[in-house]
Amino acid sequence: MNRSRYVTRPLDGTDRAIITALTGNGRMTVRELAEQIGLSSPSVTERIHKLEDAGAIRGYTVLVDSKVFGLGIAAHVRLRAMPGEVKRVAQMLIDTPEVVEADRVTGEDCFLAKVMVSDVQELETVIDRFQPFASADTSIILSSTVVPRLPKI
């Protein structure tokens, strides 16, 4: 909900610095952030609230190592829904807890999903759920060359 007029102007360098710093360390205190970017704590707090109100900051999160939870296999699954099954496949992606990300995409495939499971047998079980409604092409992730990061802002 945009309760401010803040979104009517482009983000400035200070806004970008705040977002970049919080992306690097979301647990940083306002005082630490203020010292880092050279503003007072009240000014930083006000800007953070405005960025949240404008939707530039949508939330704060915790990153976990999936292997700690026994999820040692990550894979990208490209799904091509059968005719008339796009909505069903989309809902199945939402309802499948092993799917940690999914995007509707252009091209031959309809969806690109990221799946995290404990082993290859579990991956096969997940993929088999979609087989009556979509064809699937799966790539197991060996390593991540670029981990999730902030786009150039």
N, C-alpha and C. Protein backbone atom coordinates (compact mmCIF):
# COMPACT_ATOMS: atom_id res chain seq x y z
N MET A 1 0.84 -1.16 0.00
CA MET A 1 0.00 0.00 0.00
C MET A 1 0.89 1.23 0.00
N ASN A 2 0.69 2.09 -0.96
CA ASN A 2 1.48 3.30 -1.06
C ASN A 2 0.79 4.42 -0.31
N ARG A 3 1.26 4.67 0.91
CA ARG A 3 0.68 5.74 1.72
C ARG A 3 1.48 7.03 1.59
N SER A 4 2.46 7.03 0.72
CA SER A 4 3.28 8.23 0.58
C SER A 4 3.32 8.66 -0.87
N ARG A 5 3.82 9.84 -1.08
CA ARG A 5 4.03 10.33 -2.43
C ARG A 5 5.45 10.03 -2.88
N TYR A 6 6.16 9.28 -2.08
CA TYR A 6 7.57 8.99 -2.29
C TYR A 6 7.83 8.31 -3.62
N VAL A 7 6.91 7.48 -4.04
CA VAL A 7 7.10 6.72 -5.26
C VAL A 7 7.01 7.61 -6.50
N THR A 8 6.49 8.83 -6.35
CA THR A 8 6.33 9.71 -7.51
C THR A 8 7.65 10.27 -8.00
N ARG A 9 8.70 10.13 -7.23
CA ARG A 9 10.00 10.57 -7.69
C ARG A 9 10.93 9.36 -7.79
N PRO A 10 11.92 9.45 -8.67
CA PRO A 10 12.84 8.32 -8.79
C PRO A 10 13.66 8.15 -7.51
N LEU A 11 14.10 6.92 -7.28
CA LEU A 11 14.97 6.67 -6.14
C LEU A 11 16.28 7.41 -6.35
N ASP A 12 16.79 8.01 -5.28
CA ASP A 12 18.06 8.72 -5.39
C ASP A 12 19.19 7.83 -4.87
N GLY A 13 20.39 8.37 -4.86
CA GLY A 13 21.56 7.62 -4.42
C GLY A 13 21.47 7.16 -2.99
N THR A 14 20.85 7.97 -2.13
CA THR A 14 20.70 7.59 -0.72
C THR A 14 19.74 6.41 -0.59
N ASP A 15 18.64 6.45 -1.33
CA ASP A 15 17.70 5.33 -1.32
C ASP A 15 18.40 4.05 -1.77
N ARG A 16 19.17 4.16 -2.84
CA ARG A 16 19.90 3.00 -3.36
C ARG A 16 20.91 2.48 -2.34
N ALA A 17 21.58 3.40 -1.65
CA ALA A 17 22.55 3.00 -0.63
C ALA A 17 21.87 2.26 0.52
N ILE A 18 20.70 2.74 0.92
CA ILE A 18 19.95 2.09 1.99
C ILE A 18 19.55 0.68 1.57
N ILE A 19 18.99 0.55 0.37
CA ILE A 19 18.54 -0.75 -0.12
C ILE A 19 19.72 -1.70 -0.27
N THR A 20 20.82 -1.21 -0.82
CA THR A 20 22.01 -2.05 -1.00
C THR A 20 22.54 -2.53 0.34
N ALA A 21 22.62 -1.64 1.31
CA ALA A 21 23.13 -2.01 2.63
C ALA A 21 22.22 -3.03 3.30
N LEU A 22 20.91 -2.82 3.23
CA LEU A 22 19.97 -3.75 3.86
C LEU A 22 19.95 -5.10 3.15
N THR A 23 20.20 -5.10 1.85
CA THR A 23 20.28 -6.36 1.12
C THR A 23 21.50 -7.15 1.57
N GLY A 24 22.58 -6.46 1.84
CA GLY A 24 23.79 -7.12 2.33
C GLY A 24 23.67 -7.60 3.76
N ASN A 25 22.92 -6.86 4.59
CA ASN A 25 22.75 -7.21 5.99
C ASN A 25 21.42 -6.66 6.48
N GLY A 26 20.38 -7.45 6.37
CA GLY A 26 19.04 -7.03 6.77
C GLY A 26 18.89 -6.85 8.27
N ARG A 27 19.86 -7.31 9.05
CA ARG A 27 19.80 -7.17 10.51
C ARG A 27 20.58 -5.96 11.00
N MET A 28 21.11 -5.19 10.07
CA MET A 28 21.85 -3.99 10.43
C MET A 28 20.93 -3.04 11.20
N THR A 29 21.45 -2.44 12.25
CA THR A 29 20.64 -1.49 13.00
C THR A 29 20.53 -0.19 12.22
N VAL A 30 19.53 0.58 12.53
CA VAL A 30 19.35 1.88 11.88
C VAL A 30 20.57 2.76 12.17
N ARG A 31 21.07 2.66 13.36
CA ARG A 31 22.24 3.47 13.73
C ARG A 31 23.45 3.10 12.86
N GLU A 32 23.70 1.79 12.70
CA GLU A 32 24.80 1.35 11.84
C GLU A 32 24.60 1.80 10.40
N LEU A 33 23.38 1.69 9.92
CA LEU A 33 23.05 2.11 8.56
C LEU A 33 23.26 3.61 8.40
N ALA A 34 22.80 4.38 9.38
CA ALA A 34 22.95 5.84 9.33
C ALA A 34 24.43 6.23 9.27
N GLU A 35 25.24 5.57 10.09
CA GLU A 35 26.68 5.86 10.08
C GLU A 35 27.30 5.50 8.74
N GLN A 36 26.85 4.38 8.16
CA GLN A 36 27.42 3.91 6.89
C GLN A 36 27.12 4.86 5.75
N ILE A 37 25.91 5.42 5.71
CA ILE A 37 25.55 6.27 4.57
C ILE A 37 25.63 7.76 4.87
N GLY A 38 25.92 8.11 6.13
CA GLY A 38 26.14 9.52 6.46
C GLY A 38 24.89 10.34 6.70
N LEU A 39 23.85 9.72 7.24
CA LEU A 39 22.63 10.45 7.61
C LEU A 39 22.35 10.22 9.09
N SER A 40 21.42 10.97 9.62
CA SER A 40 21.00 10.75 11.00
C SER A 40 20.09 9.52 11.06
N SER A 41 20.01 8.92 12.24
CA SER A 41 19.13 7.76 12.42
C SER A 41 17.67 8.09 12.10
N PRO A 42 17.12 9.23 12.58
CA PRO A 42 15.73 9.54 12.23
C PRO A 42 15.51 9.70 10.72
N SER A 43 16.49 10.27 10.02
CA SER A 43 16.35 10.43 8.56
C SER A 43 16.33 9.07 7.87
N VAL A 44 17.21 8.18 8.32
CA VAL A 44 17.25 6.83 7.74
C VAL A 44 15.95 6.09 8.03
N THR A 45 15.47 6.18 9.26
CA THR A 45 14.20 5.52 9.62
C THR A 45 13.07 6.03 8.74
N GLU A 46 13.00 7.35 8.55
CA GLU A 46 11.94 7.93 7.70
C GLU A 46 12.05 7.43 6.27
N ARG A 47 13.27 7.39 5.74
CA ARG A 47 13.45 6.91 4.37
C ARG A 47 13.07 5.43 4.25
N ILE A 48 13.44 4.62 5.23
CA ILE A 48 13.08 3.19 5.20
C ILE A 48 11.57 3.04 5.18
N HIS A 49 10.87 3.79 6.03
CA HIS A 49 9.40 3.72 6.05
C HIS A 49 8.81 4.14 4.71
N LYS A 50 9.35 5.17 4.12
CA LYS A 50 8.86 5.62 2.82
C LYS A 50 9.14 4.59 1.73
N LEU A 51 10.31 3.97 1.79
CA LEU A 51 10.63 2.93 0.82
C LEU A 51 9.70 1.73 0.98
N GLU A 52 9.37 1.39 2.22
CA GLU A 52 8.42 0.31 2.48
C GLU A 52 7.03 0.69 1.98
N ASP A 53 6.59 1.90 2.30
CA ASP A 53 5.27 2.36 1.87
C ASP A 53 5.14 2.39 0.35
N ALA A 54 6.21 2.76 -0.33
CA ALA A 54 6.19 2.85 -1.79
C ALA A 54 6.33 1.48 -2.45
N GLY A 55 6.65 0.45 -1.65
CA GLY A 55 6.80 -0.89 -2.21
C GLY A 55 8.20 -1.19 -2.71
N ALA A 56 9.14 -0.26 -2.54
CA ALA A 56 10.51 -0.52 -2.97
C ALA A 56 11.16 -1.57 -2.07
N ILE A 57 10.81 -1.57 -0.79
CA ILE A 57 11.21 -2.63 0.13
C ILE A 57 9.93 -3.37 0.48
N ARG A 58 9.86 -4.64 0.07
CA ARG A 58 8.64 -5.43 0.29
C ARG A 58 8.70 -6.29 1.53
N GLY A 59 9.88 -6.49 2.09
CA GLY A 59 9.97 -7.32 3.27
C GLY A 59 11.41 -7.64 3.60
N TYR A 60 11.57 -8.37 4.67
CA TYR A 60 12.90 -8.79 5.14
C TYR A 60 12.85 -10.29 5.28
N THR A 61 13.97 -10.96 5.06
CA THR A 61 13.94 -12.41 5.04
C THR A 61 15.20 -13.01 5.66
N VAL A 62 15.15 -14.30 5.87
CA VAL A 62 16.28 -15.06 6.37
C VAL A 62 16.70 -16.02 5.26
N LEU A 63 17.99 -16.10 4.99
CA LEU A 63 18.49 -17.07 4.03
C LEU A 63 18.99 -18.28 4.78
N VAL A 64 18.61 -19.45 4.31
CA VAL A 64 19.02 -20.69 4.97
C VAL A 64 19.77 -21.57 3.98
N ASP A 65 20.59 -22.44 4.50
CA ASP A 65 21.29 -23.43 3.69
C ASP A 65 20.42 -24.67 3.65
N SER A 66 19.86 -24.98 2.49
CA SER A 66 18.92 -26.10 2.37
C SER A 66 19.55 -27.44 2.74
N LYS A 67 20.85 -27.55 2.59
CA LYS A 67 21.53 -28.82 2.93
C LYS A 67 21.43 -29.12 4.42
N VAL A 68 21.37 -28.08 5.25
CA VAL A 68 21.22 -28.27 6.70
C VAL A 68 19.92 -29.01 7.00
N PHE A 69 18.93 -28.84 6.13
CA PHE A 69 17.63 -29.48 6.32
C PHE A 69 17.51 -30.78 5.52
N GLY A 70 18.62 -31.27 5.01
CA GLY A 70 18.61 -32.53 4.28
C GLY A 70 18.15 -32.41 2.84
N LEU A 71 18.10 -31.19 2.32
CA LEU A 71 17.67 -30.98 0.94
C LEU A 71 18.90 -30.75 0.07
N GLY A 72 19.54 -31.85 -0.32
CA GLY A 72 20.81 -31.77 -1.03
C GLY A 72 20.70 -31.69 -2.53
N ILE A 73 19.50 -31.81 -3.08
CA ILE A 73 19.32 -31.76 -4.53
C ILE A 73 18.45 -30.55 -4.88
N ALA A 74 18.98 -29.71 -5.75
CA ALA A 74 18.21 -28.59 -6.29
C ALA A 74 18.17 -28.78 -7.81
N ALA A 75 17.04 -28.46 -8.40
CA ALA A 75 16.89 -28.64 -9.85
C ALA A 75 15.98 -27.57 -10.42
N HIS A 76 16.26 -27.24 -11.67
CA HIS A 76 15.35 -26.40 -12.44
C HIS A 76 14.49 -27.34 -13.27
N VAL A 77 13.20 -27.13 -13.23
CA VAL A 77 12.27 -27.95 -14.00
C VAL A 77 11.50 -27.03 -14.94
N ARG A 78 11.65 -27.30 -16.23
CA ARG A 78 10.90 -26.56 -17.23
C ARG A 78 9.64 -27.36 -17.55
N LEU A 79 8.50 -26.73 -17.43
CA LEU A 79 7.22 -27.42 -17.64
C LEU A 79 6.48 -26.81 -18.82
N ARG A 80 6.01 -27.68 -19.69
CA ARG A 80 5.17 -27.27 -20.81
C ARG A 80 3.80 -27.87 -20.58
N ALA A 81 2.84 -27.03 -20.20
CA ALA A 81 1.49 -27.51 -19.87
C ALA A 81 0.80 -28.05 -21.13
N MET A 82 0.03 -29.12 -20.92
CA MET A 82 -0.79 -29.65 -22.00
C MET A 82 -1.88 -28.62 -22.31
N PRO A 83 -2.46 -28.67 -23.51
CA PRO A 83 -3.51 -27.70 -23.84
C PRO A 83 -4.62 -27.67 -22.79
N GLY A 84 -4.95 -26.48 -22.35
CA GLY A 84 -6.01 -26.30 -21.36
C GLY A 84 -5.61 -26.55 -19.93
N GLU A 85 -4.34 -26.83 -19.67
CA GLU A 85 -3.90 -27.20 -18.31
C GLU A 85 -3.00 -26.16 -17.63
N VAL A 86 -2.86 -24.99 -18.22
CA VAL A 86 -1.96 -23.98 -17.65
C VAL A 86 -2.37 -23.59 -16.23
N LYS A 87 -3.65 -23.32 -16.03
CA LYS A 87 -4.11 -22.92 -14.69
C LYS A 87 -3.90 -24.05 -13.68
N ARG A 88 -4.16 -25.27 -14.08
CA ARG A 88 -3.98 -26.42 -13.18
C ARG A 88 -2.50 -26.57 -12.80
N VAL A 89 -1.61 -26.47 -13.79
CA VAL A 89 -0.17 -26.60 -13.52
C VAL A 89 0.29 -25.46 -12.61
N ALA A 90 -0.19 -24.25 -12.86
CA ALA A 90 0.17 -23.12 -12.00
C ALA A 90 -0.24 -23.39 -10.56
N GLN A 91 -1.44 -23.89 -10.36
CA GLN A 91 -1.92 -24.20 -9.01
C GLN A 91 -1.13 -25.33 -8.39
N MET A 92 -0.76 -26.32 -9.19
CA MET A 92 0.04 -27.43 -8.67
C MET A 92 1.41 -26.93 -8.20
N LEU A 93 1.99 -26.00 -8.95
CA LEU A 93 3.27 -25.42 -8.53
C LEU A 93 3.13 -24.72 -7.18
N ILE A 94 2.05 -23.97 -7.04
CA ILE A 94 1.79 -23.26 -5.78
C ILE A 94 1.62 -24.26 -4.64
N ASP A 95 0.94 -25.37 -4.91
CA ASP A 95 0.60 -26.35 -3.87
C ASP A 95 1.71 -27.36 -3.58
N THR A 96 2.80 -27.35 -4.33
CA THR A 96 3.88 -28.31 -4.15
C THR A 96 4.98 -27.69 -3.30
N PRO A 97 5.13 -28.16 -2.05
CA PRO A 97 6.09 -27.51 -1.15
C PRO A 97 7.55 -27.64 -1.59
N GLU A 98 7.86 -28.62 -2.40
CA GLU A 98 9.24 -28.78 -2.89
C GLU A 98 9.61 -27.72 -3.91
N VAL A 99 8.60 -27.06 -4.49
CA VAL A 99 8.84 -25.97 -5.43
C VAL A 99 9.09 -24.71 -4.62
N VAL A 100 10.30 -24.17 -4.71
CA VAL A 100 10.66 -22.99 -3.92
C VAL A 100 10.58 -21.70 -4.72
N GLU A 101 10.55 -21.82 -6.04
CA GLU A 101 10.37 -20.67 -6.94
C GLU A 101 9.70 -21.18 -8.19
N ALA A 102 8.89 -20.35 -8.81
CA ALA A 102 8.32 -20.71 -10.10
C ALA A 102 7.94 -19.44 -10.85
N ASP A 103 8.23 -19.44 -12.13
CA ASP A 103 7.92 -18.29 -12.98
C ASP A 103 7.18 -18.76 -14.22
N ARG A 104 6.21 -17.98 -14.65
CA ARG A 104 5.57 -18.19 -15.95
C ARG A 104 6.49 -17.55 -16.97
N VAL A 105 6.84 -18.28 -18.02
CA VAL A 105 7.83 -17.79 -18.98
C VAL A 105 7.31 -17.86 -20.40
N THR A 106 8.00 -17.15 -21.28
CA THR A 106 7.68 -17.21 -22.70
C THR A 106 8.50 -18.32 -23.34
N GLY A 107 8.18 -18.62 -24.58
CA GLY A 107 8.90 -19.66 -25.30
C GLY A 107 8.12 -20.96 -25.30
N GLU A 108 8.79 -22.04 -25.57
CA GLU A 108 8.13 -23.33 -25.67
C GLU A 108 7.59 -23.81 -24.33
N ASP A 109 8.29 -23.49 -23.26
CA ASP A 109 7.84 -23.91 -21.93
C ASP A 109 6.89 -22.86 -21.37
N CYS A 110 6.05 -23.29 -20.45
CA CYS A 110 5.11 -22.37 -19.79
C CYS A 110 5.66 -21.88 -18.46
N PHE A 111 6.40 -22.76 -17.76
CA PHE A 111 6.87 -22.45 -16.41
C PHE A 111 8.32 -22.89 -16.25
N LEU A 112 9.03 -22.17 -15.41
CA LEU A 112 10.36 -22.57 -14.97
C LEU A 112 10.29 -22.59 -13.45
N ALA A 113 10.52 -23.75 -12.87
CA ALA A 113 10.41 -23.92 -11.42
C ALA A 113 11.75 -24.36 -10.85
N LYS A 114 12.00 -23.95 -9.62
CA LYS A 114 13.17 -24.44 -8.89
C LYS A 114 12.64 -25.35 -7.79
N VAL A 115 13.18 -26.55 -7.74
CA VAL A 115 12.73 -27.57 -6.81
C VAL A 115 13.88 -27.94 -5.90
N MET A 116 13.59 -28.12 -4.60
CA MET A 116 14.60 -28.56 -3.65
C MET A 116 14.09 -29.81 -2.95
N VAL A 117 14.88 -30.88 -3.04
CA VAL A 117 14.49 -32.18 -2.48
C VAL A 117 15.69 -32.84 -1.82
N SER A 118 15.42 -33.95 -1.12
CA SER A 118 16.48 -34.65 -0.41
C SER A 118 17.32 -35.55 -1.31
N ASP A 119 16.68 -36.15 -2.33
CA ASP A 119 17.41 -37.07 -3.19
C ASP A 119 16.74 -37.17 -4.55
N VAL A 120 17.37 -37.90 -5.46
CA VAL A 120 16.87 -38.01 -6.83
C VAL A 120 15.51 -38.71 -6.88
N GLN A 121 15.28 -39.67 -6.00
CA GLN A 121 13.99 -40.37 -5.98
C GLN A 121 12.86 -39.38 -5.63
N GLU A 122 13.12 -38.49 -4.69
CA GLU A 122 12.10 -37.49 -4.35
C GLU A 122 11.87 -36.54 -5.51
N LEU A 123 12.95 -36.19 -6.22
CA LEU A 123 12.81 -35.34 -7.40
C LEU A 123 11.93 -36.02 -8.44
N GLU A 124 12.15 -37.30 -8.64
CA GLU A 124 11.33 -38.06 -9.60
C GLU A 124 9.85 -38.05 -9.18
N THR A 125 9.59 -38.20 -7.90
CA THR A 125 8.21 -38.18 -7.40
C THR A 125 7.55 -36.84 -7.67
N VAL A 126 8.29 -35.76 -7.45
CA VAL A 126 7.74 -34.43 -7.69
C VAL A 126 7.43 -34.26 -9.18
N ILE A 127 8.36 -34.62 -10.02
CA ILE A 127 8.16 -34.47 -11.46
C ILE A 127 6.98 -35.32 -11.93
N ASP A 128 6.85 -36.53 -11.41
CA ASP A 128 5.76 -37.42 -11.81
C ASP A 128 4.38 -36.84 -11.51
N ARG A 129 4.27 -36.00 -10.48
CA ARG A 129 2.98 -35.36 -10.16
C ARG A 129 2.48 -34.52 -11.33
N PHE A 130 3.40 -33.95 -12.09
CA PHE A 130 3.03 -33.04 -13.17
C PHE A 130 2.82 -33.75 -14.50
N GLN A 131 3.31 -34.99 -14.64
CA GLN A 131 3.30 -35.69 -15.92
C GLN A 131 1.93 -35.79 -16.59
N PRO A 132 0.83 -36.00 -15.88
CA PRO A 132 -0.46 -36.07 -16.59
C PRO A 132 -0.88 -34.74 -17.21
N PHE A 133 -0.28 -33.63 -16.74
CA PHE A 133 -0.76 -32.31 -17.14
C PHE A 133 0.29 -31.47 -17.86
N ALA A 134 1.54 -31.91 -17.85
CA ALA A 134 2.62 -31.14 -18.46
C ALA A 134 3.79 -32.05 -18.77
N SER A 135 4.56 -31.68 -19.79
CA SER A 135 5.83 -32.37 -20.01
C SER A 135 6.90 -31.61 -19.23
N ALA A 136 7.89 -32.33 -18.77
CA ALA A 136 8.90 -31.72 -17.91
C ALA A 136 10.30 -32.02 -18.44
N ASP A 137 11.14 -31.03 -18.35
CA ASP A 137 12.56 -31.18 -18.67
C ASP A 137 13.32 -30.68 -17.45
N THR A 138 14.16 -31.52 -16.88
CA THR A 138 14.78 -31.23 -15.59
C THR A 138 16.29 -31.11 -15.71
N SER A 139 16.84 -30.13 -15.02
CA SER A 139 18.29 -29.96 -14.92
C SER A 139 18.66 -29.86 -13.45
N ILE A 140 19.47 -30.80 -12.98
CA ILE A 140 19.94 -30.75 -11.59
C ILE A 140 21.02 -29.68 -11.49
N ILE A 141 20.94 -28.87 -10.46
CA ILE A 141 21.91 -27.79 -10.26
C ILE A 141 23.15 -28.37 -9.59
N LEU A 142 24.29 -28.24 -10.25
CA LEU A 142 25.55 -28.74 -9.70
C LEU A 142 26.17 -27.71 -8.75
N SER A 143 26.14 -26.44 -9.15
CA SER A 143 26.63 -25.36 -8.29
C SER A 143 26.00 -24.06 -8.79
N SER A 144 26.06 -23.05 -7.97
CA SER A 144 25.49 -21.74 -8.33
C SER A 144 26.60 -20.77 -8.64
N THR A 145 26.66 -20.35 -9.89
CA THR A 145 27.68 -19.41 -10.33
C THR A 145 27.38 -18.01 -9.80
N VAL A 146 26.12 -17.62 -9.85
CA VAL A 146 25.67 -16.33 -9.30
C VAL A 146 24.56 -16.63 -8.32
N VAL A 147 24.80 -16.33 -7.06
CA VAL A 147 23.77 -16.53 -6.04
C VAL A 147 22.80 -15.35 -6.11
N PRO A 148 21.58 -15.49 -5.58
CA PRO A 148 20.63 -14.37 -5.67
C PRO A 148 21.26 -13.08 -5.14
N ARG A 149 21.09 -12.03 -5.92
CA ARG A 149 21.67 -10.74 -5.58
C ARG A 149 20.76 -9.63 -6.05
N LEU A 150 21.03 -8.47 -5.58
CA LEU A 150 20.28 -7.28 -5.96
C LEU A 150 20.60 -6.92 -7.41
N PRO A 151 19.60 -6.66 -8.24
CA PRO A 151 19.91 -6.21 -9.60
C PRO A 151 20.51 -4.81 -9.55
N LYS A 152 21.08 -4.40 -10.64
CA LYS A 152 21.63 -3.05 -10.72
C LYS A 152 20.50 -2.04 -10.54
N ILE A 153 20.61 -1.23 -9.49
CA ILE A 153 19.55 -0.23 -9.24
C ILE A 153 20.11 1.17 -9.32
